[in-house]
Amino acid sequence: MAKDHGPHIKNDAQYEELRKQGMSQSKAARIANDPNSGKKGGKAEKYEDRTKKDLYEKAKQVGIEGRSKMNKEELIKALRNN
């Protein structure tokens, strides 16, 4: 059971876990008090459903070298291993 850190901490269990991970008190408190902090983010479109051009642009954005010579499958593999 999580220790009660007072009314200024909304999610005591999350706060304690963040502190164990080495976060400062203020950063852990900021995250633990955010009502959206425990929720998953948005869903990205699967790489297989994207066009080769889209995959190329993503590879360019993340700095994958040799992308201009890659086919769609190679771009997907490179993006997943990046």
PDB file of N, CA and C in Angstrom:
ATOM      1  N   MET A   1       0.843  -1.177   0.000  1.00  0.00           N
ATOM      2  CA  MET A   1       0.000   0.000   0.000  1.00  0.00           C
ATOM      3  C   MET A   1       0.890   1.241   0.000  1.00  0.00           C
ATOM      4  N   ALA A   2       0.522   2.226  -0.780  1.00  0.00           N
ATOM      5  CA  ALA A   2       1.304   3.440  -0.911  1.00  0.00           C
ATOM      6  C   ALA A   2       1.172   4.325   0.321  1.00  0.00           C
ATOM      7  N   LYS A   3       2.267   4.950   0.646  1.00  0.00           N
ATOM      8  CA  LYS A   3       2.299   5.898   1.754  1.00  0.00           C
ATOM      9  C   LYS A   3       1.501   7.148   1.369  1.00  0.00           C
ATOM     10  N   ASP A   4       0.827   7.746   2.324  1.00  0.00           N
ATOM     11  CA  ASP A   4       0.061   8.968   2.062  1.00  0.00           C
ATOM     12  C   ASP A   4       1.018  10.157   2.090  1.00  0.00           C
ATOM     13  N   HIS A   5       1.159  10.825   0.969  1.00  0.00           N
ATOM     14  CA  HIS A   5       2.064  11.972   0.853  1.00  0.00           C
ATOM     15  C   HIS A   5       1.345  13.302   1.045  1.00  0.00           C
ATOM     16  N   GLY A   6       0.133  13.253   1.512  1.00  0.00           N
ATOM     17  CA  GLY A   6      -0.612  14.469   1.782  1.00  0.00           C
ATOM     18  C   GLY A   6      -1.514  14.863   0.637  1.00  0.00           C
ATOM     19  N   PRO A   7      -2.282  15.924   0.826  1.00  0.00           N
ATOM     20  CA  PRO A   7      -3.266  16.328  -0.184  1.00  0.00           C
ATOM     21  C   PRO A   7      -2.649  16.898  -1.463  1.00  0.00           C
ATOM     22  N   HIS A   8      -1.364  17.265  -1.421  1.00  0.00           N
ATOM     23  CA  HIS A   8      -0.745  17.844  -2.613  1.00  0.00           C
ATOM     24  C   HIS A   8      -0.328  16.780  -3.633  1.00  0.00           C
ATOM     25  N   ILE A   9      -0.369  15.490  -3.271  1.00  0.00           N
ATOM     26  CA  ILE A   9      -0.074  14.399  -4.199  1.00  0.00           C
ATOM     27  C   ILE A   9      -1.365  13.624  -4.451  1.00  0.00           C
ATOM     28  N   LYS A  10      -1.800  13.592  -5.714  1.00  0.00           N
ATOM     29  CA  LYS A  10      -3.078  12.954  -6.060  1.00  0.00           C
ATOM     30  C   LYS A  10      -2.965  11.439  -6.205  1.00  0.00           C
ATOM     31  N   ASN A  11      -1.808  10.947  -6.679  1.00  0.00           N
ATOM     32  CA  ASN A  11      -1.629   9.519  -6.901  1.00  0.00           C
ATOM     33  C   ASN A  11      -0.368   9.079  -6.160  1.00  0.00           C
ATOM     34  N   ASP A  12      -0.530   8.660  -4.912  1.00  0.00           N
ATOM     35  CA  ASP A  12       0.608   8.319  -4.064  1.00  0.00           C
ATOM     36  C   ASP A  12       1.434   7.154  -4.606  1.00  0.00           C
ATOM     37  N   ALA A  13       0.775   6.130  -5.122  1.00  0.00           N
ATOM     38  CA  ALA A  13       1.494   4.958  -5.633  1.00  0.00           C
ATOM     39  C   ALA A  13       2.369   5.344  -6.830  1.00  0.00           C
ATOM     40  N   GLN A  14       1.827   6.124  -7.730  1.00  0.00           N
ATOM     41  CA  GLN A  14       2.590   6.552  -8.904  1.00  0.00           C
ATOM     42  C   GLN A  14       3.748   7.452  -8.473  1.00  0.00           C
ATOM     43  N   TYR A  15       3.501   8.330  -7.539  1.00  0.00           N
ATOM     44  CA  TYR A  15       4.546   9.220  -7.021  1.00  0.00           C
ATOM     45  C   TYR A  15       5.710   8.406  -6.449  1.00  0.00           C
ATOM     46  N   GLU A  16       5.394   7.406  -5.628  1.00  0.00           N
ATOM     47  CA  GLU A  16       6.441   6.581  -5.028  1.00  0.00           C
ATOM     48  C   GLU A  16       7.249   5.844  -6.089  1.00  0.00           C
ATOM     49  N   GLU A  17       6.582   5.306  -7.086  1.00  0.00           N
ATOM     50  CA  GLU A  17       7.277   4.580  -8.149  1.00  0.00           C
ATOM     51  C   GLU A  17       8.208   5.517  -8.928  1.00  0.00           C
ATOM     52  N   LEU A  18       7.746   6.709  -9.222  1.00  0.00           N
ATOM     53  CA  LEU A  18       8.581   7.677  -9.940  1.00  0.00           C
ATOM     54  C   LEU A  18       9.788   8.089  -9.113  1.00  0.00           C
ATOM     55  N   ARG A  19       9.612   8.239  -7.821  1.00  0.00           N
ATOM     56  CA  ARG A  19      10.733   8.576  -6.927  1.00  0.00           C
ATOM     57  C   ARG A  19      11.748   7.436  -6.887  1.00  0.00           C
ATOM     58  N   LYS A  20      11.262   6.176  -6.887  1.00  0.00           N
ATOM     59  CA  LYS A  20      12.162   5.015  -6.908  1.00  0.00           C
ATOM     60  C   LYS A  20      12.981   4.977  -8.190  1.00  0.00           C
ATOM     61  N   GLN A  21      12.402   5.492  -9.272  1.00  0.00           N
ATOM     62  CA  GLN A  21      13.089   5.534 -10.559  1.00  0.00           C
ATOM     63  C   GLN A  21      14.095   6.673 -10.626  1.00  0.00           C
ATOM     64  N   GLY A  22      14.154   7.503  -9.575  1.00  0.00           N
ATOM     65  CA  GLY A  22      15.155   8.561  -9.503  1.00  0.00           C
ATOM     66  C   GLY A  22      14.680   9.953  -9.881  1.00  0.00           C
ATOM     67  N   MET A  23      13.397  10.132 -10.073  1.00  0.00           N
ATOM     68  CA  MET A  23      12.883  11.464 -10.417  1.00  0.00           C
ATOM     69  C   MET A  23      12.894  12.362  -9.191  1.00  0.00           C
ATOM     70  N   SER A  24      13.038  13.648  -9.457  1.00  0.00           N
ATOM     71  CA  SER A  24      12.998  14.623  -8.368  1.00  0.00           C
ATOM     72  C   SER A  24      11.591  14.665  -7.774  1.00  0.00           C
ATOM     73  N   GLN A  25      11.491  15.222  -6.581  1.00  0.00           N
ATOM     74  CA  GLN A  25      10.183  15.319  -5.924  1.00  0.00           C
ATOM     75  C   GLN A  25       9.214  16.147  -6.754  1.00  0.00           C
ATOM     76  N   SER A  26       9.698  17.255  -7.295  1.00  0.00           N
ATOM     77  CA  SER A  26       8.792  18.136  -8.039  1.00  0.00           C
ATOM     78  C   SER A  26       8.315  17.493  -9.340  1.00  0.00           C
ATOM     79  N   LYS A  27       9.228  16.803 -10.054  1.00  0.00           N
ATOM     80  CA  LYS A  27       8.823  16.168 -11.306  1.00  0.00           C
ATOM     81  C   LYS A  27       7.872  15.005 -11.028  1.00  0.00           C
ATOM     82  N   ALA A  28       8.174  14.195 -10.013  1.00  0.00           N
ATOM     83  CA  ALA A  28       7.299  13.076  -9.664  1.00  0.00           C
ATOM     84  C   ALA A  28       5.919  13.581  -9.249  1.00  0.00           C
ATOM     85  N   ALA A  29       5.878  14.663  -8.495  1.00  0.00           N
ATOM     86  CA  ALA A  29       4.600  15.235  -8.065  1.00  0.00           C
ATOM     87  C   ALA A  29       3.810  15.768  -9.261  1.00  0.00           C
ATOM     88  N   ARG A  30       4.504  16.425 -10.180  1.00  0.00           N
ATOM     89  CA  ARG A  30       3.843  16.980 -11.367  1.00  0.00           C
ATOM     90  C   ARG A  30       3.193  15.864 -12.184  1.00  0.00           C
ATOM     91  N   ILE A  31       3.916  14.743 -12.371  1.00  0.00           N
ATOM     92  CA  ILE A  31       3.377  13.628 -13.148  1.00  0.00           C
ATOM     93  C   ILE A  31       2.251  12.934 -12.383  1.00  0.00           C
ATOM     94  N   ALA A  32       2.455  12.692 -11.096  1.00  0.00           N
ATOM     95  CA  ALA A  32       1.446  11.996 -10.290  1.00  0.00           C
ATOM     96  C   ALA A  32       0.158  12.804 -10.154  1.00  0.00           C
ATOM     97  N   ASN A  33       0.235  14.106 -10.291  1.00  0.00           N
ATOM     98  CA  ASN A  33      -0.943  14.957 -10.170  1.00  0.00           C
ATOM     99  C   ASN A  33      -1.654  15.185 -11.498  1.00  0.00           C
ATOM    100  N   ASP A  34      -1.055  14.749 -12.610  1.00  0.00           N
ATOM    101  CA  ASP A  34      -1.661  14.918 -13.921  1.00  0.00           C
ATOM    102  C   ASP A  34      -2.695  13.806 -14.138  1.00  0.00           C
ATOM    103  N   PRO A  35      -3.964  14.132 -14.321  1.00  0.00           N
ATOM    104  CA  PRO A  35      -4.993  13.090 -14.467  1.00  0.00           C
ATOM    105  C   PRO A  35      -4.821  12.236 -15.725  1.00  0.00           C
ATOM    106  N   ASN A  36      -4.052  12.702 -16.709  1.00  0.00           N
ATOM    107  CA  ASN A  36      -3.851  11.949 -17.950  1.00  0.00           C
ATOM    108  C   ASN A  36      -2.547  11.157 -17.959  1.00  0.00           C
ATOM    109  N   SER A  37      -1.770  11.218 -16.899  1.00  0.00           N
ATOM    110  CA  SER A  37      -0.435  10.615 -16.930  1.00  0.00           C
ATOM    111  C   SER A  37      -0.444   9.100 -16.995  1.00  0.00           C
ATOM    112  N   GLY A  38      -1.472   8.440 -16.565  1.00  0.00           N
ATOM    113  CA  GLY A  38      -1.508   6.990 -16.593  1.00  0.00           C
ATOM    114  C   GLY A  38      -2.190   6.414 -17.813  1.00  0.00           C
ATOM    115  N   LYS A  39      -2.661   7.268 -18.693  1.00  0.00           N
ATOM    116  CA  LYS A  39      -3.414   6.810 -19.860  1.00  0.00           C
ATOM    117  C   LYS A  39      -2.492   6.608 -21.047  1.00  0.00           C
ATOM    118  N   LYS A  40      -2.887   5.685 -21.921  1.00  0.00           N
ATOM    119  CA  LYS A  40      -2.107   5.418 -23.124  1.00  0.00           C
ATOM    120  C   LYS A  40      -2.278   6.566 -24.107  1.00  0.00           C
ATOM    121  N   GLY A  41      -1.275   6.696 -24.953  1.00  0.00           N
ATOM    122  CA  GLY A  41      -1.308   7.720 -25.987  1.00  0.00           C
ATOM    123  C   GLY A  41      -2.174   7.297 -27.163  1.00  0.00           C
ATOM    124  N   GLY A  42      -2.087   8.052 -28.231  1.00  0.00           N
ATOM    125  CA  GLY A  42      -2.879   7.762 -29.415  1.00  0.00           C
ATOM    126  C   GLY A  42      -2.378   6.542 -30.156  1.00  0.00           C
ATOM    127  N   LYS A  43      -3.129   6.113 -31.089  1.00  0.00           N
ATOM    128  CA  LYS A  43      -2.764   4.960 -31.896  1.00  0.00           C
ATOM    129  C   LYS A  43      -2.182   5.432 -33.217  1.00  0.00           C
ATOM    130  N   ALA A  44      -0.998   4.941 -33.522  1.00  0.00           N
ATOM    131  CA  ALA A  44      -0.366   5.271 -34.799  1.00  0.00           C
ATOM    132  C   ALA A  44      -0.792   4.243 -35.837  1.00  0.00           C
ATOM    133  N   GLU A  45      -0.831   4.680 -37.073  1.00  0.00           N
ATOM    134  CA  GLU A  45      -1.153   3.780 -38.176  1.00  0.00           C
ATOM    135  C   GLU A  45      -0.031   2.757 -38.326  1.00  0.00           C
ATOM    136  N   LYS A  46      -0.366   1.516 -38.596  1.00  0.00           N
ATOM    137  CA  LYS A  46       0.645   0.471 -38.768  1.00  0.00           C
ATOM    138  C   LYS A  46       1.542   0.811 -39.950  1.00  0.00           C
ATOM    139  N   TYR A  47       2.818   0.452 -39.822  1.00  0.00           N
ATOM    140  CA  TYR A  47       3.756   0.700 -40.916  1.00  0.00           C
ATOM    141  C   TYR A  47       3.292   0.041 -42.216  1.00  0.00           C
ATOM    142  N   GLU A  48       2.733  -1.159 -42.109  1.00  0.00           N
ATOM    143  CA  GLU A  48       2.291  -1.880 -43.306  1.00  0.00           C
ATOM    144  C   GLU A  48       1.165  -1.155 -44.040  1.00  0.00           C
ATOM    145  N   ASP A  49       0.413  -0.338 -43.333  1.00  0.00           N
ATOM    146  CA  ASP A  49      -0.702   0.393 -43.946  1.00  0.00           C
ATOM    147  C   ASP A  49      -0.274   1.735 -44.534  1.00  0.00           C
ATOM    148  N   ARG A  50       0.968   2.114 -44.318  1.00  0.00           N
ATOM    149  CA  ARG A  50       1.465   3.391 -44.838  1.00  0.00           C
ATOM    150  C   ARG A  50       2.062   3.205 -46.226  1.00  0.00           C
ATOM    151  N   THR A  51       2.152   4.311 -46.960  1.00  0.00           N
ATOM    152  CA  THR A  51       2.769   4.244 -48.280  1.00  0.00           C
ATOM    153  C   THR A  51       4.286   4.265 -48.137  1.00  0.00           C
ATOM    154  N   LYS A  52       4.965   3.849 -49.195  1.00  0.00           N
ATOM    155  CA  LYS A  52       6.433   3.875 -49.183  1.00  0.00           C
ATOM    156  C   LYS A  52       6.922   5.306 -48.978  1.00  0.00           C
ATOM    157  N   LYS A  53       6.233   6.258 -49.593  1.00  0.00           N
ATOM    158  CA  LYS A  53       6.616   7.665 -49.449  1.00  0.00           C
ATOM    159  C   LYS A  53       6.513   8.108 -47.986  1.00  0.00           C
ATOM    160  N   ASP A  54       5.436   7.712 -47.309  1.00  0.00           N
ATOM    161  CA  ASP A  54       5.270   8.048 -45.886  1.00  0.00           C
ATOM    162  C   ASP A  54       6.382   7.435 -45.046  1.00  0.00           C
ATOM    163  N   LEU A  55       6.701   6.166 -45.340  1.00  0.00           N
ATOM    164  CA  LEU A  55       7.767   5.483 -44.602  1.00  0.00           C
ATOM    165  C   LEU A  55       9.117   6.151 -44.856  1.00  0.00           C
ATOM    166  N   TYR A  56       9.344   6.553 -46.099  1.00  0.00           N
ATOM    167  CA  TYR A  56      10.588   7.253 -46.439  1.00  0.00           C
ATOM    168  C   TYR A  56      10.706   8.555 -45.649  1.00  0.00           C
ATOM    169  N   GLU A  57       9.623   9.306 -45.583  1.00  0.00           N
ATOM    170  CA  GLU A  57       9.634  10.572 -44.847  1.00  0.00           C
ATOM    171  C   GLU A  57       9.891  10.355 -43.354  1.00  0.00           C
ATOM    172  N   LYS A  58       9.299   9.303 -42.797  1.00  0.00           N
ATOM    173  CA  LYS A  58       9.533   8.980 -41.385  1.00  0.00           C
ATOM    174  C   LYS A  58      10.989   8.578 -41.172  1.00  0.00           C
ATOM    175  N   ALA A  59      11.538   7.780 -42.090  1.00  0.00           N
ATOM    176  CA  ALA A  59      12.945   7.367 -42.008  1.00  0.00           C
ATOM    177  C   ALA A  59      13.867   8.577 -42.109  1.00  0.00           C
ATOM    178  N   LYS A  60      13.499   9.517 -42.949  1.00  0.00           N
ATOM    179  CA  LYS A  60      14.272  10.754 -43.089  1.00  0.00           C
ATOM    180  C   LYS A  60      14.227  11.548 -41.792  1.00  0.00           C
ATOM    181  N   GLN A  61      13.048  11.609 -41.200  1.00  0.00           N
ATOM    182  CA  GLN A  61      12.848  12.361 -39.952  1.00  0.00           C
ATOM    183  C   GLN A  61      13.705  11.798 -38.816  1.00  0.00           C
ATOM    184  N   VAL A  62      13.831  10.476 -38.744  1.00  0.00           N
ATOM    185  CA  VAL A  62      14.600   9.868 -37.648  1.00  0.00           C
ATOM    186  C   VAL A  62      16.062   9.614 -38.024  1.00  0.00           C
ATOM    187  N   GLY A  63      16.444   9.936 -39.252  1.00  0.00           N
ATOM    188  CA  GLY A  63      17.849   9.883 -39.644  1.00  0.00           C
ATOM    189  C   GLY A  63      18.373   8.524 -40.057  1.00  0.00           C
ATOM    190  N   ILE A  64      17.567   7.714 -40.710  1.00  0.00           N
ATOM    191  CA  ILE A  64      18.017   6.405 -41.184  1.00  0.00           C
ATOM    192  C   ILE A  64      18.795   6.592 -42.479  1.00  0.00           C
ATOM    193  N   GLU A  65      20.044   6.122 -42.457  1.00  0.00           N
ATOM    194  CA  GLU A  65      20.897   6.258 -43.640  1.00  0.00           C
ATOM    195  C   GLU A  65      20.588   5.159 -44.652  1.00  0.00           C
ATOM    196  N   GLY A  66      20.758   5.461 -45.928  1.00  0.00           N
ATOM    197  CA  GLY A  66      20.523   4.502 -46.989  1.00  0.00           C
ATOM    198  C   GLY A  66      19.066   4.308 -47.337  1.00  0.00           C
ATOM    199  N   ARG A  67      18.215   5.166 -46.827  1.00  0.00           N
ATOM    200  CA  ARG A  67      16.766   5.008 -47.011  1.00  0.00           C
ATOM    201  C   ARG A  67      16.327   5.135 -48.465  1.00  0.00           C
ATOM    202  N   SER A  68      17.064   5.899 -49.266  1.00  0.00           N
ATOM    203  CA  SER A  68      16.648   6.106 -50.656  1.00  0.00           C
ATOM    204  C   SER A  68      16.761   4.832 -51.488  1.00  0.00           C
ATOM    205  N   LYS A  69      17.581   3.891 -51.051  1.00  0.00           N
ATOM    206  CA  LYS A  69      17.750   2.633 -51.785  1.00  0.00           C
ATOM    207  C   LYS A  69      16.900   1.501 -51.217  1.00  0.00           C
ATOM    208  N   MET A  70      16.114   1.774 -50.173  1.00  0.00           N
ATOM    209  CA  MET A  70      15.321   0.738 -49.512  1.00  0.00           C
ATOM    210  C   MET A  70      13.939   0.611 -50.135  1.00  0.00           C
ATOM    211  N   ASN A  71      13.448  -0.640 -50.159  1.00  0.00           N
ATOM    212  CA  ASN A  71      12.050  -0.851 -50.555  1.00  0.00           C
ATOM    213  C   ASN A  71      11.184  -0.716 -49.311  1.00  0.00           C
ATOM    214  N   LYS A  72       9.893  -0.879 -49.473  1.00  0.00           N
ATOM    215  CA  LYS A  72       8.962  -0.666 -48.372  1.00  0.00           C
ATOM    216  C   LYS A  72       9.261  -1.586 -47.184  1.00  0.00           C
ATOM    217  N   GLU A  73       9.503  -2.859 -47.447  1.00  0.00           N
ATOM    218  CA  GLU A  73       9.784  -3.810 -46.369  1.00  0.00           C
ATOM    219  C   GLU A  73      11.069  -3.452 -45.620  1.00  0.00           C
ATOM    220  N   GLU A  74      12.068  -3.008 -46.343  1.00  0.00           N
ATOM    221  CA  GLU A  74      13.336  -2.619 -45.719  1.00  0.00           C
ATOM    222  C   GLU A  74      13.170  -1.361 -44.871  1.00  0.00           C
ATOM    223  N   LEU A  75      12.348  -0.423 -45.342  1.00  0.00           N
ATOM    224  CA  LEU A  75      12.073   0.784 -44.565  1.00  0.00           C
ATOM    225  C   LEU A  75      11.360   0.431 -43.255  1.00  0.00           C
ATOM    226  N   ILE A  76      10.392  -0.488 -43.341  1.00  0.00           N
ATOM    227  CA  ILE A  76       9.672  -0.915 -42.143  1.00  0.00           C
ATOM    228  C   ILE A  76      10.643  -1.534 -41.138  1.00  0.00           C
ATOM    229  N   LYS A  77      11.496  -2.428 -41.628  1.00  0.00           N
ATOM    230  CA  LYS A  77      12.462  -3.092 -40.741  1.00  0.00           C
ATOM    231  C   LYS A  77      13.408  -2.074 -40.106  1.00  0.00           C
ATOM    232  N   ALA A  78      13.881  -1.135 -40.903  1.00  0.00           N
ATOM    233  CA  ALA A  78      14.805  -0.106 -40.389  1.00  0.00           C
ATOM    234  C   ALA A  78      14.122   0.777 -39.343  1.00  0.00           C
ATOM    235  N   LEU A  79      12.873   1.146 -39.580  1.00  0.00           N
ATOM    236  CA  LEU A  79      12.139   1.978 -38.626  1.00  0.00           C
ATOM    237  C   LEU A  79      11.882   1.229 -37.317  1.00  0.00           C
ATOM    238  N   ARG A  80      11.585  -0.044 -37.402  1.00  0.00           N
ATOM    239  CA  ARG A  80      11.329  -0.830 -36.199  1.00  0.00           C
ATOM    240  C   ARG A  80      12.595  -1.063 -35.383  1.00  0.00           C
ATOM    241  N   ASN A  81      13.740  -1.098 -36.040  1.00  0.00           N
ATOM    242  CA  ASN A  81      14.997  -1.364 -35.348  1.00  0.00           C
ATOM    243  C   ASN A  81      15.723  -0.093 -34.931  1.00  0.00           C
ATOM    244  N   ASN A  82      15.129   1.028 -35.229  1.00  0.00           N
ATOM    245  CA  ASN A  82      15.769   2.296 -34.895  1.00  0.00           C
ATOM    246  C   ASN A  82      15.569   2.664 -33.450  1.00  0.00           C
TER     247      ASN A  82
END
